[in-house]
Amino acid sequence: MIVTVFGASLTLPGQPLYQEALLLGKLLAESGYTVKSGGYIGTMEAVSRGAAEANGYVIGATCAEIETWRPVGANAWVKDEQKSPTLTTRLDTLLQNSGAFLALPGGVGTLAEILLAWNRMVIHSLPGCPLILIGAGWKETINVFTASQSNFISENDRDFVRFAENVSEAVCLLNSLIK
């Protein structure tokens, strides 16, 4: 099964979040999952590296628009680069064929990925698969959003999103939901 991981590009080797992403990739590979990410730098690189070093298979969803904006290619641990021409098609590639989605801390791009996956689950264009957000920041963000927009977000829609404090808890939760 493919697990897509969303996360920040502005994380460097040695930083705590990079190390967490490295561990996440390792834990996912050791659990038998194929890891898919945006395929570039930051947490995408770390999760790819962690999975590859644990003999896992790594897919990177890259795109020409990002590479025009920021000249960087797929990281060294990507085994299967799935390159799209635009950011929109890249987002579709990130969601395709995935059985679960995990999100590490990140910025606007990570939030867009989370919301697109969640919205597709709500309208049933993605099967109801796990969407696990890692870290207190995402829990706070989603709780504020759902509370302030409560007239527009049903309890059933809220049930698609789950939270984990750290990557170990996220993988345990994923395994309990899948296996």
N, C-alpha and C. Protein backbone atom coordinates (compact mmCIF):
# COMPACT_ATOMS: atom_id res chain seq x y z
N MET A 1 0.83 -1.18 0.00
CA MET A 1 0.00 0.00 0.00
C MET A 1 0.88 1.25 0.00
N ILE A 2 0.44 2.25 -0.73
CA ILE A 2 1.15 3.52 -0.78
C ILE A 2 0.62 4.45 0.30
N VAL A 3 1.54 5.05 1.04
CA VAL A 3 1.22 6.08 2.03
C VAL A 3 1.87 7.38 1.55
N THR A 4 1.04 8.39 1.33
CA THR A 4 1.55 9.69 0.91
C THR A 4 1.79 10.54 2.15
N VAL A 5 2.98 11.16 2.18
CA VAL A 5 3.37 12.02 3.29
C VAL A 5 3.52 13.45 2.78
N PHE A 6 2.80 14.36 3.42
CA PHE A 6 2.91 15.79 3.12
C PHE A 6 3.82 16.43 4.17
N GLY A 7 4.53 17.49 3.80
CA GLY A 7 5.36 18.17 4.79
C GLY A 7 6.16 19.31 4.20
N ALA A 8 6.86 20.01 5.06
CA ALA A 8 7.58 21.24 4.74
C ALA A 8 8.83 21.01 3.91
N SER A 9 9.10 21.96 3.03
CA SER A 9 10.34 21.92 2.26
C SER A 9 11.46 22.69 2.95
N LEU A 10 11.13 23.53 3.91
CA LEU A 10 12.12 24.41 4.54
C LEU A 10 12.72 23.81 5.81
N THR A 11 12.96 22.53 5.80
CA THR A 11 13.56 21.82 6.93
C THR A 11 14.90 21.27 6.49
N LEU A 12 15.91 21.45 7.32
CA LEU A 12 17.27 21.05 6.96
C LEU A 12 17.73 19.82 7.74
N PRO A 13 18.65 19.04 7.15
CA PRO A 13 19.22 17.91 7.88
C PRO A 13 19.75 18.36 9.25
N GLY A 14 19.49 17.51 10.25
CA GLY A 14 19.92 17.81 11.60
C GLY A 14 18.87 18.52 12.44
N GLN A 15 17.92 19.20 11.80
CA GLN A 15 16.85 19.86 12.56
C GLN A 15 15.89 18.80 13.09
N PRO A 16 15.24 19.07 14.23
CA PRO A 16 14.33 18.08 14.82
C PRO A 16 13.25 17.57 13.87
N LEU A 17 12.64 18.44 13.09
CA LEU A 17 11.59 17.99 12.17
C LEU A 17 12.15 17.09 11.07
N TYR A 18 13.35 17.39 10.60
CA TYR A 18 14.00 16.53 9.61
C TYR A 18 14.20 15.13 10.21
N GLN A 19 14.67 15.09 11.43
CA GLN A 19 14.91 13.80 12.10
C GLN A 19 13.59 13.04 12.30
N GLU A 20 12.52 13.74 12.63
CA GLU A 20 11.20 13.11 12.78
C GLU A 20 10.75 12.52 11.44
N ALA A 21 10.94 13.28 10.36
CA ALA A 21 10.55 12.80 9.03
C ALA A 21 11.39 11.60 8.62
N LEU A 22 12.66 11.61 8.95
CA LEU A 22 13.55 10.48 8.68
C LEU A 22 13.03 9.23 9.39
N LEU A 23 12.65 9.39 10.65
CA LEU A 23 12.09 8.28 11.41
C LEU A 23 10.76 7.82 10.82
N LEU A 24 9.94 8.76 10.38
CA LEU A 24 8.66 8.38 9.78
C LEU A 24 8.87 7.52 8.55
N GLY A 25 9.77 7.92 7.68
CA GLY A 25 10.06 7.11 6.49
C GLY A 25 10.52 5.72 6.86
N LYS A 26 11.40 5.63 7.84
CA LYS A 26 11.90 4.33 8.31
C LYS A 26 10.76 3.47 8.84
N LEU A 27 9.93 4.04 9.71
CA LEU A 27 8.82 3.27 10.31
C LEU A 27 7.81 2.82 9.26
N LEU A 28 7.53 3.67 8.30
CA LEU A 28 6.60 3.28 7.24
C LEU A 28 7.16 2.13 6.41
N ALA A 29 8.43 2.24 6.02
CA ALA A 29 9.06 1.17 5.23
C ALA A 29 9.11 -0.13 6.02
N GLU A 30 9.46 -0.04 7.30
CA GLU A 30 9.52 -1.25 8.13
C GLU A 30 8.14 -1.88 8.32
N SER A 31 7.08 -1.08 8.18
CA SER A 31 5.71 -1.61 8.26
C SER A 31 5.23 -2.14 6.91
N GLY A 32 6.07 -2.04 5.88
CA GLY A 32 5.75 -2.60 4.58
C GLY A 32 5.08 -1.65 3.61
N TYR A 33 5.04 -0.38 3.92
CA TYR A 33 4.38 0.59 3.04
C TYR A 33 5.35 1.16 2.02
N THR A 34 4.84 1.49 0.84
CA THR A 34 5.54 2.31 -0.12
C THR A 34 5.31 3.75 0.29
N VAL A 35 6.34 4.58 0.23
CA VAL A 35 6.24 5.97 0.65
C VAL A 35 6.21 6.88 -0.57
N LYS A 36 5.21 7.76 -0.61
CA LYS A 36 5.13 8.78 -1.66
C LYS A 36 5.16 10.15 -0.99
N SER A 37 5.90 11.07 -1.59
CA SER A 37 5.92 12.44 -1.10
C SER A 37 6.08 13.36 -2.29
N GLY A 38 6.22 14.66 -2.00
CA GLY A 38 6.47 15.63 -3.05
C GLY A 38 7.82 15.45 -3.72
N GLY A 39 8.70 14.66 -3.11
CA GLY A 39 9.94 14.24 -3.76
C GLY A 39 11.09 15.22 -3.74
N TYR A 40 10.93 16.36 -3.11
CA TYR A 40 11.98 17.37 -3.15
C TYR A 40 12.80 17.38 -1.86
N ILE A 41 13.01 18.56 -1.31
CA ILE A 41 13.88 18.79 -0.16
C ILE A 41 13.06 18.83 1.14
N GLY A 42 13.74 19.08 2.24
CA GLY A 42 13.06 19.23 3.52
C GLY A 42 12.54 17.90 4.04
N THR A 43 11.31 17.92 4.56
CA THR A 43 10.76 16.69 5.11
C THR A 43 10.49 15.66 4.02
N MET A 44 10.27 16.13 2.79
CA MET A 44 10.09 15.19 1.67
C MET A 44 11.36 14.38 1.46
N GLU A 45 12.50 15.05 1.52
CA GLU A 45 13.79 14.37 1.41
C GLU A 45 14.00 13.41 2.58
N ALA A 46 13.70 13.89 3.77
CA ALA A 46 13.95 13.08 4.97
C ALA A 46 13.09 11.82 4.98
N VAL A 47 11.80 11.94 4.67
CA VAL A 47 10.94 10.76 4.67
C VAL A 47 11.36 9.78 3.57
N SER A 48 11.80 10.33 2.43
CA SER A 48 12.31 9.48 1.34
C SER A 48 13.57 8.75 1.77
N ARG A 49 14.46 9.48 2.39
CA ARG A 49 15.73 8.89 2.85
C ARG A 49 15.48 7.81 3.90
N GLY A 50 14.62 8.11 4.88
CA GLY A 50 14.32 7.14 5.92
C GLY A 50 13.74 5.85 5.35
N ALA A 51 12.84 6.00 4.40
CA ALA A 51 12.24 4.82 3.77
C ALA A 51 13.27 4.05 2.95
N ALA A 52 14.05 4.75 2.15
CA ALA A 52 15.05 4.09 1.30
C ALA A 52 16.10 3.37 2.13
N GLU A 53 16.55 4.01 3.21
CA GLU A 53 17.56 3.38 4.06
C GLU A 53 17.02 2.16 4.80
N ALA A 54 15.68 2.05 4.89
CA ALA A 54 15.06 0.86 5.49
C ALA A 54 14.57 -0.10 4.41
N ASN A 55 15.13 0.05 3.21
CA ASN A 55 14.83 -0.80 2.06
C ASN A 55 13.39 -0.68 1.58
N GLY A 56 12.79 0.48 1.78
CA GLY A 56 11.45 0.73 1.28
C GLY A 56 11.48 1.32 -0.11
N TYR A 57 10.32 1.32 -0.75
CA TYR A 57 10.19 1.89 -2.09
C TYR A 57 9.69 3.31 -1.96
N VAL A 58 10.29 4.24 -2.74
CA VAL A 58 10.01 5.67 -2.60
C VAL A 58 9.55 6.26 -3.93
N ILE A 59 8.41 6.91 -3.89
CA ILE A 59 7.85 7.62 -5.05
C ILE A 59 7.90 9.12 -4.75
N GLY A 60 8.31 9.90 -5.74
CA GLY A 60 8.32 11.35 -5.61
C GLY A 60 7.46 11.98 -6.68
N ALA A 61 6.50 12.80 -6.26
CA ALA A 61 5.63 13.51 -7.18
C ALA A 61 6.18 14.93 -7.37
N THR A 62 6.82 15.16 -8.49
CA THR A 62 7.47 16.44 -8.74
C THR A 62 6.73 17.18 -9.86
N CYS A 63 7.13 18.44 -10.10
CA CYS A 63 6.47 19.16 -11.20
C CYS A 63 7.34 20.27 -11.76
N ALA A 64 7.14 20.54 -13.03
CA ALA A 64 7.90 21.56 -13.75
C ALA A 64 7.68 22.95 -13.17
N GLU A 65 6.46 23.28 -12.77
CA GLU A 65 6.20 24.61 -12.22
C GLU A 65 7.03 24.89 -10.97
N ILE A 66 7.13 23.92 -10.09
CA ILE A 66 7.94 24.11 -8.88
C ILE A 66 9.41 24.26 -9.26
N GLU A 67 9.87 23.47 -10.21
CA GLU A 67 11.27 23.51 -10.59
C GLU A 67 11.64 24.79 -11.34
N THR A 68 10.66 25.42 -11.96
CA THR A 68 10.89 26.74 -12.56
C THR A 68 10.99 27.79 -11.47
N TRP A 69 10.15 27.67 -10.46
CA TRP A 69 10.13 28.61 -9.34
C TRP A 69 11.36 28.45 -8.45
N ARG A 70 11.71 27.19 -8.16
CA ARG A 70 12.85 26.88 -7.30
C ARG A 70 13.64 25.77 -7.98
N PRO A 71 14.78 26.11 -8.58
CA PRO A 71 15.52 25.10 -9.35
C PRO A 71 16.10 23.98 -8.48
N VAL A 72 15.30 22.95 -8.30
CA VAL A 72 15.71 21.78 -7.54
C VAL A 72 15.01 20.56 -8.16
N GLY A 73 15.69 19.45 -8.19
CA GLY A 73 15.09 18.24 -8.73
C GLY A 73 14.71 17.28 -7.62
N ALA A 74 14.26 16.11 -8.03
CA ALA A 74 13.89 15.07 -7.07
C ALA A 74 15.09 14.71 -6.20
N ASN A 75 14.82 14.40 -4.94
CA ASN A 75 15.91 14.03 -4.04
C ASN A 75 16.50 12.67 -4.41
N ALA A 76 17.68 12.39 -3.90
CA ALA A 76 18.46 11.21 -4.28
C ALA A 76 17.81 9.89 -3.90
N TRP A 77 16.83 9.89 -3.00
CA TRP A 77 16.25 8.65 -2.52
C TRP A 77 14.98 8.26 -3.26
N VAL A 78 14.52 9.10 -4.17
CA VAL A 78 13.33 8.79 -4.97
C VAL A 78 13.69 7.72 -6.00
N LYS A 79 12.94 6.62 -6.00
CA LYS A 79 13.15 5.54 -6.97
C LYS A 79 12.25 5.69 -8.19
N ASP A 80 11.08 6.28 -7.96
CA ASP A 80 10.10 6.44 -9.03
C ASP A 80 9.63 7.90 -9.02
N GLU A 81 10.19 8.70 -9.94
CA GLU A 81 9.77 10.10 -10.04
C GLU A 81 8.57 10.19 -10.96
N GLN A 82 7.49 10.75 -10.44
CA GLN A 82 6.27 10.95 -11.22
C GLN A 82 6.14 12.45 -11.45
N LYS A 83 6.66 12.91 -12.58
CA LYS A 83 6.75 14.34 -12.85
C LYS A 83 5.53 14.84 -13.61
N SER A 84 4.96 15.92 -13.11
CA SER A 84 3.80 16.56 -13.70
C SER A 84 4.20 17.92 -14.25
N PRO A 85 3.43 18.44 -15.21
CA PRO A 85 3.76 19.76 -15.73
C PRO A 85 3.38 20.90 -14.78
N THR A 86 2.29 20.72 -14.02
CA THR A 86 1.78 21.81 -13.19
C THR A 86 1.59 21.37 -11.74
N LEU A 87 1.46 22.36 -10.87
CA LEU A 87 1.21 22.08 -9.47
C LEU A 87 -0.12 21.35 -9.29
N THR A 88 -1.11 21.73 -10.05
CA THR A 88 -2.43 21.10 -9.94
C THR A 88 -2.35 19.61 -10.27
N THR A 89 -1.67 19.28 -11.35
CA THR A 89 -1.55 17.85 -11.70
C THR A 89 -0.66 17.11 -10.71
N ARG A 90 0.32 17.81 -10.13
CA ARG A 90 1.16 17.20 -9.09
C ARG A 90 0.31 16.84 -7.87
N LEU A 91 -0.59 17.72 -7.49
CA LEU A 91 -1.47 17.43 -6.35
C LEU A 91 -2.30 16.19 -6.63
N ASP A 92 -2.81 16.07 -7.84
CA ASP A 92 -3.56 14.86 -8.21
C ASP A 92 -2.67 13.63 -8.10
N THR A 93 -1.42 13.73 -8.56
CA THR A 93 -0.49 12.61 -8.50
C THR A 93 -0.22 12.20 -7.05
N LEU A 94 -0.10 13.18 -6.16
CA LEU A 94 0.12 12.87 -4.75
C LEU A 94 -1.03 12.06 -4.16
N LEU A 95 -2.24 12.32 -4.62
CA LEU A 95 -3.41 11.65 -4.07
C LEU A 95 -3.71 10.30 -4.74
N GLN A 96 -3.30 10.15 -5.98
CA GLN A 96 -3.63 8.93 -6.73
C GLN A 96 -2.98 7.69 -6.13
N ASN A 97 -3.77 6.63 -6.07
CA ASN A 97 -3.32 5.30 -5.66
C ASN A 97 -2.82 5.20 -4.22
N SER A 98 -3.10 6.21 -3.41
CA SER A 98 -2.66 6.18 -2.02
C SER A 98 -3.74 5.60 -1.13
N GLY A 99 -3.32 4.80 -0.17
CA GLY A 99 -4.25 4.21 0.77
C GLY A 99 -4.35 4.97 2.07
N ALA A 100 -3.44 5.94 2.27
CA ALA A 100 -3.44 6.75 3.49
C ALA A 100 -2.60 7.99 3.25
N PHE A 101 -2.88 9.02 4.07
CA PHE A 101 -2.18 10.29 3.98
C PHE A 101 -1.74 10.70 5.37
N LEU A 102 -0.47 11.07 5.50
CA LEU A 102 0.07 11.58 6.75
C LEU A 102 0.65 12.96 6.48
N ALA A 103 0.47 13.88 7.41
CA ALA A 103 1.01 15.23 7.23
C ALA A 103 1.88 15.62 8.41
N LEU A 104 3.11 15.92 8.10
CA LEU A 104 4.04 16.50 9.07
C LEU A 104 3.79 18.01 9.10
N PRO A 105 4.35 18.72 10.07
CA PRO A 105 4.21 20.17 10.06
C PRO A 105 4.69 20.76 8.73
N GLY A 106 4.04 21.84 8.33
CA GLY A 106 4.40 22.48 7.07
C GLY A 106 3.68 23.79 6.88
N GLY A 107 3.79 24.34 5.70
CA GLY A 107 3.23 25.65 5.40
C GLY A 107 2.01 25.58 4.49
N VAL A 108 1.91 26.58 3.64
CA VAL A 108 0.76 26.73 2.76
C VAL A 108 0.58 25.52 1.84
N GLY A 109 1.67 25.03 1.27
CA GLY A 109 1.58 23.88 0.38
C GLY A 109 1.07 22.64 1.10
N THR A 110 1.57 22.42 2.29
CA THR A 110 1.14 21.26 3.08
C THR A 110 -0.32 21.39 3.45
N LEU A 111 -0.74 22.58 3.83
CA LEU A 111 -2.16 22.81 4.15
C LEU A 111 -3.03 22.55 2.93
N ALA A 112 -2.60 23.01 1.77
CA ALA A 112 -3.37 22.77 0.54
C ALA A 112 -3.51 21.27 0.27
N GLU A 113 -2.44 20.53 0.47
CA GLU A 113 -2.47 19.08 0.25
C GLU A 113 -3.44 18.40 1.21
N ILE A 114 -3.39 18.80 2.48
CA ILE A 114 -4.30 18.23 3.48
C ILE A 114 -5.74 18.52 3.11
N LEU A 115 -6.03 19.78 2.79
CA LEU A 115 -7.41 20.17 2.51
C LEU A 115 -7.93 19.51 1.24
N LEU A 116 -7.09 19.35 0.23
CA LEU A 116 -7.53 18.67 -0.99
C LEU A 116 -7.86 17.21 -0.71
N ALA A 117 -6.99 16.52 0.02
CA ALA A 117 -7.26 15.12 0.37
C ALA A 117 -8.55 15.02 1.17
N TRP A 118 -8.71 15.88 2.17
CA TRP A 118 -9.90 15.87 3.03
C TRP A 118 -11.15 16.15 2.21
N ASN A 119 -11.11 17.15 1.35
CA ASN A 119 -12.27 17.48 0.54
C ASN A 119 -12.64 16.34 -0.40
N ARG A 120 -11.66 15.70 -0.97
CA ARG A 120 -11.96 14.57 -1.86
C ARG A 120 -12.57 13.40 -1.09
N MET A 121 -12.19 13.24 0.16
CA MET A 121 -12.82 12.20 0.99
C MET A 121 -14.27 12.57 1.28
N VAL A 122 -14.50 13.84 1.58
CA VAL A 122 -15.86 14.32 1.88
C VAL A 122 -16.79 14.07 0.69
N ILE A 123 -16.33 14.34 -0.52
CA ILE A 123 -17.20 14.17 -1.70
C ILE A 123 -17.09 12.77 -2.30
N HIS A 124 -16.39 11.89 -1.61
CA HIS A 124 -16.25 10.47 -1.98
C HIS A 124 -15.54 10.25 -3.32
N SER A 125 -14.67 11.18 -3.73
CA SER A 125 -13.86 10.91 -4.91
C SER A 125 -12.55 10.22 -4.53
N LEU A 126 -12.28 10.17 -3.23
CA LEU A 126 -11.22 9.32 -2.67
C LEU A 126 -11.92 8.40 -1.68
N PRO A 127 -11.53 7.15 -1.65
CA PRO A 127 -12.14 6.28 -0.63
C PRO A 127 -11.77 6.80 0.75
N GLY A 128 -12.61 6.53 1.71
CA GLY A 128 -12.34 6.97 3.08
C GLY A 128 -11.12 6.28 3.66
N CYS A 129 -9.96 6.81 3.37
CA CYS A 129 -8.73 6.24 3.89
C CYS A 129 -8.17 7.16 4.97
N PRO A 130 -7.26 6.67 5.78
CA PRO A 130 -6.76 7.49 6.87
C PRO A 130 -6.09 8.79 6.41
N LEU A 131 -6.40 9.86 7.12
CA LEU A 131 -5.75 11.16 6.98
C LEU A 131 -5.30 11.53 8.38
N ILE A 132 -4.00 11.38 8.64
CA ILE A 132 -3.46 11.57 9.99
C ILE A 132 -2.51 12.77 9.98
N LEU A 133 -2.85 13.75 10.81
CA LEU A 133 -2.05 14.97 10.91
C LEU A 133 -1.18 14.89 12.16
N ILE A 134 0.11 15.13 11.98
CA ILE A 134 1.09 14.91 13.03
C ILE A 134 1.53 16.23 13.64
N GLY A 135 1.41 16.31 14.95
CA GLY A 135 1.87 17.48 15.68
C GLY A 135 0.73 18.36 16.18
N ALA A 136 1.01 19.08 17.25
CA ALA A 136 0.01 19.92 17.89
C ALA A 136 -0.46 21.06 16.98
N GLY A 137 0.39 21.54 16.11
CA GLY A 137 0.03 22.65 15.23
C GLY A 137 -1.14 22.34 14.33
N TRP A 138 -1.14 21.14 13.73
CA TRP A 138 -2.25 20.77 12.85
C TRP A 138 -3.54 20.60 13.64
N LYS A 139 -3.44 20.01 14.82
CA LYS A 139 -4.64 19.82 15.63
C LYS A 139 -5.26 21.17 15.98
N GLU A 140 -4.43 22.11 16.39
CA GLU A 140 -4.92 23.44 16.72
C GLU A 140 -5.52 24.13 15.48
N THR A 141 -4.84 24.04 14.35
CA THR A 141 -5.31 24.66 13.11
C THR A 141 -6.66 24.11 12.70
N ILE A 142 -6.79 22.80 12.67
CA ILE A 142 -8.04 22.17 12.23
C ILE A 142 -9.15 22.42 13.25
N ASN A 143 -8.85 22.37 14.53
CA ASN A 143 -9.87 22.63 15.54
C ASN A 143 -10.41 24.06 15.46
N VAL A 144 -9.53 25.03 15.25
CA VAL A 144 -9.97 26.42 15.09
C VAL A 144 -10.84 26.55 13.83
N PHE A 145 -10.39 25.95 12.75
CA PHE A 145 -11.14 26.00 11.49
C PHE A 145 -12.52 25.37 11.65
N THR A 146 -12.58 24.16 12.17
CA THR A 146 -13.88 23.49 12.27
C THR A 146 -14.80 24.17 13.28
N ALA A 147 -14.24 24.74 14.35
CA ALA A 147 -15.08 25.45 15.33
C ALA A 147 -15.62 26.75 14.73
N SER A 148 -14.78 27.48 14.03
CA SER A 148 -15.23 28.76 13.49
C SER A 148 -16.14 28.60 12.26
N GLN A 149 -16.08 27.46 11.63
CA GLN A 149 -16.91 27.20 10.44
C GLN A 149 -17.88 26.04 10.69
N SER A 150 -18.27 25.86 11.94
CA SER A 150 -19.04 24.68 12.34
C SER A 150 -20.37 24.53 11.62
N ASN A 151 -20.96 25.61 11.15
CA ASN A 151 -22.22 25.50 10.42
C ASN A 151 -22.05 24.85 9.06
N PHE A 152 -20.81 24.73 8.60
CA PHE A 152 -20.56 24.23 7.25
C PHE A 152 -19.80 22.91 7.21
N ILE A 153 -19.43 22.41 8.38
CA ILE A 153 -18.63 21.18 8.44
C ILE A 153 -19.33 20.20 9.36
N SER A 154 -19.86 19.14 8.77
CA SER A 154 -20.60 18.16 9.57
C SER A 154 -19.66 17.33 10.43
N GLU A 155 -20.23 16.69 11.43
CA GLU A 155 -19.45 15.78 12.28
C GLU A 155 -18.86 14.66 11.44
N ASN A 156 -19.64 14.16 10.47
CA ASN A 156 -19.13 13.09 9.60
C ASN A 156 -17.90 13.56 8.83
N ASP A 157 -17.92 14.81 8.35
CA ASP A 157 -16.77 15.34 7.62
C ASP A 157 -15.55 15.48 8.53
N ARG A 158 -15.77 15.82 9.78
CA ARG A 158 -14.67 15.96 10.74
C ARG A 158 -14.02 14.62 11.05
N ASP A 159 -14.81 13.55 10.95
CA ASP A 159 -14.32 12.22 11.30
C ASP A 159 -13.23 11.70 10.35
N PHE A 160 -13.08 12.32 9.19
CA PHE A 160 -12.04 11.89 8.25
C PHE A 160 -10.64 12.22 8.76
N VAL A 161 -10.53 13.24 9.61
CA VAL A 161 -9.22 13.72 10.06
C VAL A 161 -8.91 13.16 11.44
N ARG A 162 -7.70 12.60 11.56
CA ARG A 162 -7.22 12.08 12.84
C ARG A 162 -5.89 12.76 13.17
N PHE A 163 -5.54 12.72 14.44
CA PHE A 163 -4.35 13.43 14.90
C PHE A 163 -3.42 12.49 15.66
N ALA A 164 -2.12 12.77 15.53
CA ALA A 164 -1.10 12.05 16.29
C ALA A 164 -0.09 13.07 16.79
N GLU A 165 0.41 12.85 17.98
CA GLU A 165 1.36 13.79 18.56
C GLU A 165 2.73 13.71 17.90
N ASN A 166 3.11 12.50 17.43
CA ASN A 166 4.44 12.32 16.85
C ASN A 166 4.37 11.20 15.80
N VAL A 167 5.49 10.97 15.13
CA VAL A 167 5.48 10.01 14.03
C VAL A 167 5.27 8.58 14.50
N SER A 168 5.80 8.23 15.64
CA SER A 168 5.59 6.86 16.15
C SER A 168 4.11 6.61 16.41
N GLU A 169 3.46 7.57 17.05
CA GLU A 169 2.02 7.45 17.29
C GLU A 169 1.25 7.40 15.98
N ALA A 170 1.68 8.18 15.00
CA ALA A 170 1.00 8.21 13.70
C ALA A 170 1.06 6.85 13.00
N VAL A 171 2.23 6.22 13.03
CA VAL A 171 2.38 4.91 12.37
C VAL A 171 1.59 3.84 13.13
N CYS A 172 1.59 3.90 14.45
CA CYS A 172 0.78 2.96 15.23
C CYS A 172 -0.71 3.13 14.90
N LEU A 173 -1.16 4.38 14.82
CA LEU A 173 -2.55 4.66 14.47
C LEU A 173 -2.85 4.15 13.06
N LEU A 174 -1.98 4.43 12.13
CA LEU A 174 -2.15 3.96 10.76
C LEU A 174 -2.25 2.44 10.72
N ASN A 175 -1.33 1.76 11.37
CA ASN A 175 -1.35 0.30 11.37
C ASN A 175 -2.65 -0.25 11.98
N SER A 176 -3.15 0.41 13.04
CA SER A 176 -4.39 -0.06 13.65
C SER A 176 -5.60 0.15 12.74
N LEU A 177 -5.54 1.17 11.90
CA LEU A 177 -6.65 1.47 10.99
C LEU A 177 -6.61 0.61 9.73
N ILE A 178 -5.41 0.18 9.33
CA ILE A 178 -5.22 -0.55 8.07
C ILE A 178 -5.22 -2.06 8.28
N LYS A 179 -4.53 -2.51 9.30
CA LYS A 179 -4.30 -3.95 9.45
C LYS A 179 -5.26 -4.58 10.42
